N, C-alpha and C. Protein backbone atom coordinates (compact mmCIF):
# COMPACT_ATOMS: atom_id res chain seq x y z
N UNK A 1 115.03 93.38 135.60
CA UNK A 1 116.36 93.76 134.95
C UNK A 1 118.00 93.12 135.99
N UNK A 2 117.59 93.07 137.70
CA UNK A 2 118.36 92.47 138.18
C UNK A 2 118.42 90.71 137.93
N UNK A 3 117.82 90.29 137.80
CA UNK A 3 118.50 88.73 136.41
C UNK A 3 119.73 89.62 135.94
N UNK A 4 120.05 90.17 134.76
CA UNK A 4 120.72 90.15 133.77
C UNK A 4 121.98 90.59 134.51
N UNK A 5 121.59 91.38 135.23
CA UNK A 5 122.59 92.59 135.24
C UNK A 5 122.94 92.39 136.59
N UNK A 6 124.55 92.56 137.18
CA UNK A 6 125.47 92.48 138.99
C UNK A 6 125.56 93.64 139.22
N UNK A 7 125.63 94.51 138.34
CA UNK A 7 125.06 95.76 139.32
C UNK A 7 123.59 95.92 139.54
N UNK A 8 122.97 95.95 138.98
CA UNK A 8 121.70 95.69 139.57
C UNK A 8 121.60 95.45 140.33
N UNK A 9 121.76 94.26 140.95
CA UNK A 9 121.52 93.00 141.96
C UNK A 9 122.36 93.27 142.94
N UNK A 10 123.76 93.91 142.84
CA UNK A 10 124.45 94.57 143.70
C UNK A 10 124.03 95.63 144.06
N UNK A 11 123.58 96.76 143.20
CA UNK A 11 122.57 97.95 143.65
C UNK A 11 121.10 97.83 144.88
N UNK A 12 120.70 97.10 144.48
CA UNK A 12 119.19 96.32 145.31
C UNK A 12 119.92 95.58 146.84
N UNK A 13 121.04 94.53 146.20
CA UNK A 13 122.19 94.25 148.02
C UNK A 13 122.01 95.52 149.25
N UNK A 14 122.41 96.56 148.08
CA UNK A 14 122.86 97.69 149.38
C UNK A 14 121.40 98.30 149.53
N UNK A 15 120.92 99.14 148.99
CA UNK A 15 120.02 98.78 148.98
C UNK A 15 118.86 98.85 150.04
N UNK A 16 119.51 97.40 150.32
CA UNK A 16 118.19 96.77 151.58
C UNK A 16 118.85 96.18 152.37
N UNK A 17 119.73 96.27 152.48
CA UNK A 17 120.96 95.67 153.49
C UNK A 17 121.78 94.93 153.45
N UNK A 18 121.83 94.48 152.37
CA UNK A 18 122.30 93.05 152.46
C UNK A 18 123.82 92.87 152.64
N UNK A 19 124.29 92.22 152.88
CA UNK A 19 126.43 92.37 153.25
C UNK A 19 126.63 91.93 151.77
N UNK A 20 127.62 92.63 151.26
CA UNK A 20 128.63 92.72 149.90
C UNK A 20 129.55 92.86 150.26
N UNK A 21 130.83 92.07 148.99
CA UNK A 21 132.24 93.00 149.08
C UNK A 21 131.73 94.15 149.04
N UNK A 22 133.26 94.46 149.19
CA UNK A 22 133.27 96.27 149.00
C UNK A 22 133.43 96.83 147.23
N UNK A 23 132.37 97.74 146.97
CA UNK A 23 132.93 98.15 145.97
C UNK A 23 132.83 99.13 146.18
N UNK A 24 134.06 98.98 144.62
CA UNK A 24 134.60 101.14 144.25
C UNK A 24 133.60 101.59 143.79
N UNK A 25 132.91 101.02 142.91
CA UNK A 25 132.25 102.03 142.03
C UNK A 25 131.71 101.36 141.00
N UNK A 26 130.77 102.13 140.23
CA UNK A 26 129.95 101.80 139.26
C UNK A 26 130.50 102.20 137.86
N UNK A 27 130.35 101.99 136.65
CA UNK A 27 131.20 102.58 135.64
C UNK A 27 130.39 102.10 135.13
N UNK A 28 129.25 103.14 133.53
CA UNK A 28 128.99 102.21 132.69
C UNK A 28 129.39 102.98 131.11
N UNK A 29 130.47 103.51 131.25
CA UNK A 29 131.65 104.00 130.26
C UNK A 29 133.00 103.77 130.10
N UNK A 30 133.23 102.55 129.20
CA UNK A 30 134.39 102.16 129.34
C UNK A 30 135.83 103.24 129.53
N UNK A 31 135.59 104.43 128.34
CA UNK A 31 136.58 105.45 128.01
C UNK A 31 136.67 106.19 130.11
N UNK A 32 135.40 106.20 130.39
CA UNK A 32 136.05 106.75 131.98
C UNK A 32 135.90 106.17 132.70
N UNK A 33 135.80 104.80 132.72
CA UNK A 33 136.92 103.57 133.59
C UNK A 33 138.09 103.60 133.29
N UNK A 34 138.52 103.36 132.34
CA UNK A 34 140.06 102.83 132.18
C UNK A 34 140.80 104.37 132.86
N UNK A 35 140.40 105.84 131.72
CA UNK A 35 140.76 106.58 132.28
C UNK A 35 140.36 106.75 134.27
N UNK A 36 139.59 106.56 134.80
CA UNK A 36 139.76 106.91 136.39
C UNK A 36 140.58 105.28 136.61
N UNK A 37 140.49 104.56 136.32
CA UNK A 37 141.81 103.02 136.54
C UNK A 37 143.45 103.71 136.22
N UNK A 38 142.81 103.94 135.24
CA UNK A 38 145.03 104.36 134.87
C UNK A 38 145.54 105.78 136.24
N UNK A 39 144.47 106.46 136.37
CA UNK A 39 144.74 107.99 137.03
C UNK A 39 144.32 107.24 137.90
N UNK A 40 144.03 106.18 138.71
CA UNK A 40 144.24 106.28 140.71
C UNK A 40 142.91 106.51 140.96
N UNK A 41 141.77 106.94 140.02
CA UNK A 41 141.07 107.46 140.79
C UNK A 41 140.18 106.08 140.83
N UNK A 42 139.66 105.32 139.95
CA UNK A 42 138.72 104.24 140.07
C UNK A 42 138.72 103.22 142.06
N UNK A 43 140.46 103.45 141.95
CA UNK A 43 140.65 102.50 143.09
C UNK A 43 141.90 103.44 144.36
N UNK A 44 141.32 103.63 145.45
CA UNK A 44 141.56 104.65 146.69
C UNK A 44 142.88 104.14 146.61
N UNK A 45 143.30 104.64 147.28
CA UNK A 45 144.94 104.81 147.72
C UNK A 45 144.99 103.54 148.61
N UNK A 46 143.97 103.99 149.52
CA UNK A 46 144.09 103.05 151.06
C UNK A 46 143.11 101.49 150.47
N UNK A 47 143.07 101.13 149.65
CA UNK A 47 142.56 100.17 149.02
C UNK A 47 143.39 99.19 149.40
N UNK A 48 142.60 97.98 149.25
CA UNK A 48 144.08 96.89 149.70
C UNK A 48 144.24 95.69 148.89
N UNK A 49 145.16 95.54 148.27
CA UNK A 49 145.46 95.04 147.02
C UNK A 49 145.76 93.29 147.23
N UNK A 50 145.11 92.57 146.32
CA UNK A 50 144.82 92.76 145.28
C UNK A 50 143.69 93.09 145.48
N UNK A 51 142.51 94.01 144.17
CA UNK A 51 140.96 94.12 143.91
C UNK A 51 140.82 93.51 142.89
N UNK A 52 139.71 93.28 142.89
CA UNK A 52 139.35 92.51 141.33
C UNK A 52 137.78 93.31 140.75
N UNK A 53 137.85 93.34 139.05
CA UNK A 53 136.98 94.00 138.36
C UNK A 53 135.99 93.34 137.89
N UNK A 54 135.40 93.34 137.90
CA UNK A 54 134.15 92.42 137.57
C UNK A 54 132.98 93.36 136.72
N UNK A 55 132.62 92.81 135.68
CA UNK A 55 131.77 93.64 134.20
C UNK A 55 130.99 92.79 135.38
N UNK A 56 130.02 93.65 135.49
CA UNK A 56 127.97 93.71 135.60
C UNK A 56 126.80 92.63 135.21
N UNK A 57 127.11 92.36 133.42
CA UNK A 57 126.17 91.81 132.62
C UNK A 57 126.41 90.10 132.96
N UNK A 58 125.27 89.78 133.35
CA UNK A 58 125.96 88.76 133.47
C UNK A 58 126.07 87.19 132.99
N UNK A 59 125.64 87.57 131.34
CA UNK A 59 126.38 86.65 130.16
C UNK A 59 128.37 86.48 131.07
N UNK A 60 128.62 87.90 131.29
CA UNK A 60 130.25 88.10 130.91
C UNK A 60 130.64 87.20 131.47
N UNK A 61 130.39 85.86 132.22
CA UNK A 61 130.92 85.14 132.79
C UNK A 61 131.14 85.00 132.25
N UNK A 62 130.95 84.15 131.48
CA UNK A 62 131.88 82.75 130.77
C UNK A 62 133.23 84.19 129.91
N UNK A 63 133.01 84.62 129.38
CA UNK A 63 134.14 85.97 128.66
C UNK A 63 135.18 86.09 129.61
N UNK A 64 135.20 85.33 130.98
CA UNK A 64 136.73 86.12 131.80
C UNK A 64 136.40 87.32 132.33
N UNK A 65 135.34 87.50 132.76
CA UNK A 65 134.84 88.74 133.14
C UNK A 65 135.67 89.03 134.24
N UNK A 66 135.94 88.33 134.90
CA UNK A 66 136.27 88.78 135.70
C UNK A 66 138.24 88.94 136.98
N UNK A 67 139.02 90.39 136.66
CA UNK A 67 140.82 90.22 136.81
C UNK A 67 141.02 90.83 137.86
N UNK A 68 141.45 89.81 137.98
CA UNK A 68 142.58 90.39 139.95
C UNK A 68 143.74 91.57 139.07
N UNK A 69 143.53 92.52 140.10
CA UNK A 69 144.35 93.78 139.26
C UNK A 69 145.47 93.23 141.25
N UNK A 70 146.61 92.95 140.86
CA UNK A 70 147.35 92.67 141.62
C UNK A 70 147.80 93.82 142.20
N UNK A 71 148.14 95.26 142.28
CA UNK A 71 148.67 96.85 142.63
C UNK A 71 148.76 97.47 141.69
N UNK A 72 148.65 98.42 142.58
CA UNK A 72 149.18 99.65 141.19
C UNK A 72 150.16 99.77 140.31
N UNK A 73 150.65 99.14 140.56
CA UNK A 73 152.03 99.08 139.59
C UNK A 73 151.71 98.61 138.48
N UNK A 74 151.49 96.70 138.86
CA UNK A 74 150.70 95.60 137.91
C UNK A 74 150.06 96.74 137.27
N UNK A 75 148.30 97.72 137.66
CA UNK A 75 147.60 97.80 136.67
C UNK A 75 148.58 98.85 135.81
N UNK A 76 149.43 99.84 136.18
CA UNK A 76 150.76 100.79 135.14
C UNK A 76 150.96 99.83 134.26
N UNK A 77 151.60 99.06 134.69
CA UNK A 77 152.60 98.00 133.48
C UNK A 77 151.64 97.18 132.88
N UNK A 78 150.01 96.52 132.81
CA UNK A 78 149.56 96.28 132.05
C UNK A 78 148.75 97.09 131.57
N UNK A 79 148.54 98.19 131.18
CA UNK A 79 147.69 98.74 130.51
C UNK A 79 147.29 98.02 128.89
N UNK A 80 148.26 97.76 128.45
CA UNK A 80 147.64 96.63 126.65
C UNK A 80 146.51 95.90 127.32
N UNK A 81 146.82 94.62 128.09
CA UNK A 81 146.00 93.42 128.74
C UNK A 81 144.40 94.20 129.29
N UNK A 82 144.34 94.53 129.81
CA UNK A 82 142.61 96.33 130.37
C UNK A 82 142.88 96.87 129.88
N UNK A 83 143.09 96.60 128.40
CA UNK A 83 142.42 98.21 127.28
C UNK A 83 142.04 96.90 126.30
């Protein structure tokens, strides 16, 4: 499972005390994630910007699965791009 899923890989790393980039959360549901993103739940108010959104599945790498979120204003102004 860890071979094809970056979420599982990062969960394994953190459970086994490997250093990783800060992970703000894991979502399995697209609607829940976008709701959390647009209401400010996904990214804490004290988060550093820019922050990055990354899909977990390894094959998503070729699908531009990493997106830089420049600021909360940028997220608010680019909802069409992000959905």
